[in-house]
Protein backbone atom coordinates (compact mmCIF):
# COMPACT_ATOMS: atom_id res chain seq x y z
CA MET A 1 -0.04 0.07 0.12
CA ILE A 2 1.22 3.45 -0.82
CA GLY A 3 1.76 5.55 2.14
CA LYS A 4 3.55 8.76 1.41
CA ILE A 5 5.72 10.38 -1.45
CA ASP A 6 9.11 9.15 -0.82
CA HIS A 7 11.21 11.57 -3.04
CA VAL A 8 11.23 13.47 -6.03
CA GLY A 9 14.30 12.25 -8.32
CA LEU A 10 16.07 15.21 -10.05
CA ALA A 11 18.52 14.44 -12.80
CA VAL A 12 21.78 16.32 -12.34
CA ARG A 13 24.78 16.86 -14.45
CA SER A 14 26.93 17.11 -11.29
CA ILE A 15 25.71 16.22 -7.68
CA GLU A 16 28.51 18.81 -5.84
CA GLU A 17 27.14 21.61 -8.31
CA ALA A 18 23.62 20.92 -7.55
CA ARG A 19 23.79 20.37 -3.95
CA ARG A 20 24.83 24.22 -3.60
CA PHE A 21 21.41 25.15 -4.19
CA TRP A 22 19.42 23.05 -1.78
CA GLU A 23 22.27 23.71 0.84
CA ALA A 24 21.68 27.62 0.32
CA LEU A 25 18.22 26.80 1.38
CA GLY A 26 19.55 24.99 4.81
CA LEU A 27 19.06 21.69 3.47
CA ARG A 28 21.81 19.05 3.83
CA VAL A 29 22.76 15.87 1.87
CA THR A 30 23.04 13.17 4.29
CA GLU A 31 24.11 10.48 1.89
CA ILE A 32 25.37 9.56 -1.14
CA GLU A 33 25.68 6.37 -2.78
CA GLU A 34 26.30 4.86 -6.22
CA VAL A 35 23.86 2.38 -7.78
CA PRO A 36 25.87 0.33 -10.32
CA ALA A 37 22.80 -1.51 -12.08
CA GLU A 38 21.33 2.07 -12.67
CA GLY A 39 24.58 3.67 -13.81
CA VAL A 40 24.19 6.56 -10.96
CA ARG A 41 25.32 8.14 -8.05
CA VAL A 42 22.51 9.21 -5.97
CA ALA A 43 22.45 11.96 -3.25
CA MET A 44 19.69 12.29 -0.64
CA ILE A 45 18.58 15.21 0.88
CA PRO A 46 15.73 14.95 3.65
CA CYS A 47 12.81 17.63 3.60
CA GLY A 48 10.33 17.35 5.95
CA GLU A 49 9.03 13.67 5.47
CA SER A 50 10.04 13.26 2.23
CA ARG A 51 13.18 13.67 0.53
CA ILE A 52 15.12 15.39 -2.86
CA GLU A 53 17.23 12.59 -4.59
CA LEU A 54 19.76 13.97 -7.08
CA LEU A 55 20.70 11.41 -9.52
CA GLU A 56 24.14 11.90 -11.39
CA PRO A 57 24.92 9.59 -14.33
CA THR A 58 28.06 7.28 -13.97
CA GLY A 59 28.56 6.78 -17.66
CA GLU A 60 26.90 7.76 -20.63
CA ASP A 61 25.01 5.13 -21.45
CA SER A 62 22.75 5.08 -18.48
CA PRO A 63 19.15 5.94 -18.39
CA VAL A 64 19.71 9.08 -16.51
CA ALA A 65 22.48 10.13 -19.12
CA ARG A 66 19.86 9.68 -21.66
CA PHE A 67 17.51 11.55 -19.91
CA LEU A 68 19.72 14.44 -19.42
CA GLU A 69 20.66 14.60 -23.32
CA ARG A 70 16.95 14.43 -24.28
CA ARG A 71 15.51 16.84 -21.59
CA GLY A 72 18.40 18.43 -19.67
CA GLU A 73 18.51 18.92 -15.88
CA GLY A 74 14.64 18.70 -14.11
CA ILE A 75 12.51 16.46 -12.35
CA HIS A 76 13.19 12.77 -13.59
CA HIS A 77 10.69 11.01 -11.43
CA VAL A 78 8.19 10.80 -8.35
CA CYS A 79 8.72 7.88 -5.78
CA LEU A 80 6.35 6.77 -3.85
CA GLY A 81 6.98 4.96 -0.55
CA SER A 82 5.23 1.74 -0.51
CA ASP A 83 4.97 -1.00 2.36
CA ASP A 84 4.59 -3.88 -0.33
CA VAL A 85 6.26 -3.26 -3.42
CA ALA A 86 5.54 -6.67 -5.12
CA ALA A 87 1.74 -6.11 -4.08
CA ASP A 88 1.62 -2.75 -5.70
CA ASP A 89 3.44 -4.15 -8.66
CA GLY A 90 0.72 -7.14 -9.00
CA ALA A 91 -2.30 -4.53 -8.73
CA LEU A 92 -0.59 -2.46 -11.27
CA ARG A 93 -0.21 -5.49 -13.85
CA ARG A 94 -3.78 -6.74 -12.90
CA ALA A 95 -5.08 -3.44 -13.78
CA GLY A 96 -3.28 -2.94 -17.17
CA TYR A 97 -0.58 -0.56 -16.31
CA GLU A 98 3.07 -0.86 -17.73
CA VAL A 99 5.93 -1.50 -15.38
CA LEU A 100 9.23 -1.31 -16.50
CA ARG A 101 10.85 -4.17 -15.16
CA PRO A 102 9.65 -8.03 -14.91
CA GLU A 103 9.83 -7.84 -11.12
CA PRO A 104 10.76 -5.43 -8.37
CA THR A 105 14.87 -5.13 -8.03
CA ALA A 106 17.41 -3.61 -5.55
CA GLY A 107 17.45 0.29 -5.15
CA ALA A 108 19.43 3.01 -3.18
CA GLY A 109 19.85 2.28 0.56
CA GLY A 110 18.74 -1.44 0.44
CA SER A 111 15.28 -0.54 -0.76
CA LYS A 112 13.14 -2.79 -3.45
CA VAL A 113 11.81 -0.69 -6.24
CA GLN A 114 9.51 -0.82 -9.31
CA PHE A 115 9.18 1.78 -11.95
CA VAL A 116 5.84 2.63 -13.76
CA HIS A 117 6.05 3.61 -17.62
CA PRO A 118 5.38 7.15 -17.99
CA ARG A 119 2.62 6.29 -20.64
CA SER A 120 0.80 4.74 -17.83
CA ALA A 121 1.11 7.63 -15.52
CA HIS A 122 0.20 10.53 -17.70
CA GLY A 123 3.82 11.20 -18.68
CA VAL A 124 5.16 10.94 -15.20
CA LEU A 125 7.84 8.25 -14.49
CA VAL A 126 6.61 6.71 -11.21
CA GLU A 127 8.86 4.87 -8.70
CA LEU A 128 7.39 2.50 -5.92
CA SER A 129 9.68 2.14 -3.21
CA GLU A 130 9.63 -0.35 -0.31
CA PRO A 131 12.29 0.65 2.34
CA GLY A 132 14.59 -1.79 4.30
CA SER A 133 17.71 -4.17 3.51
CA TRP A 134 16.52 -6.28 0.78
CA GLU A 135 18.79 -8.05 -1.81
CA ALA A 136 17.83 -9.49 -5.05
CA GLU A 137 16.99 -12.91 -4.88
């Protein structure tokens, strides 16, 4: 079940440059992590009960690098916090919505994630994320 907006993902060319804006507002990066399977470095910035996620590509062939090439820096996705990504994934599939992966995968911070294709969400890439220490089976 979806419980909150977990974070808003922003595609940036440089975490170091982008973080300065958020830090000027009094927010702070609490963690930076590389997610090799996605070809990105991510920086998390807590903001109230949600977070801002800065996404910096680690290679030219990553999805975020392609996004930056096509659209430039900006909002990449909206992430909804879930207490059961597998159940939410199944419910969307049964309802005829298109998800991007055959099954949920490991995401940043040990989370379990699935992405909903923008065609199914009125032009918005939606990530579903279940927190915790989860490893791909």
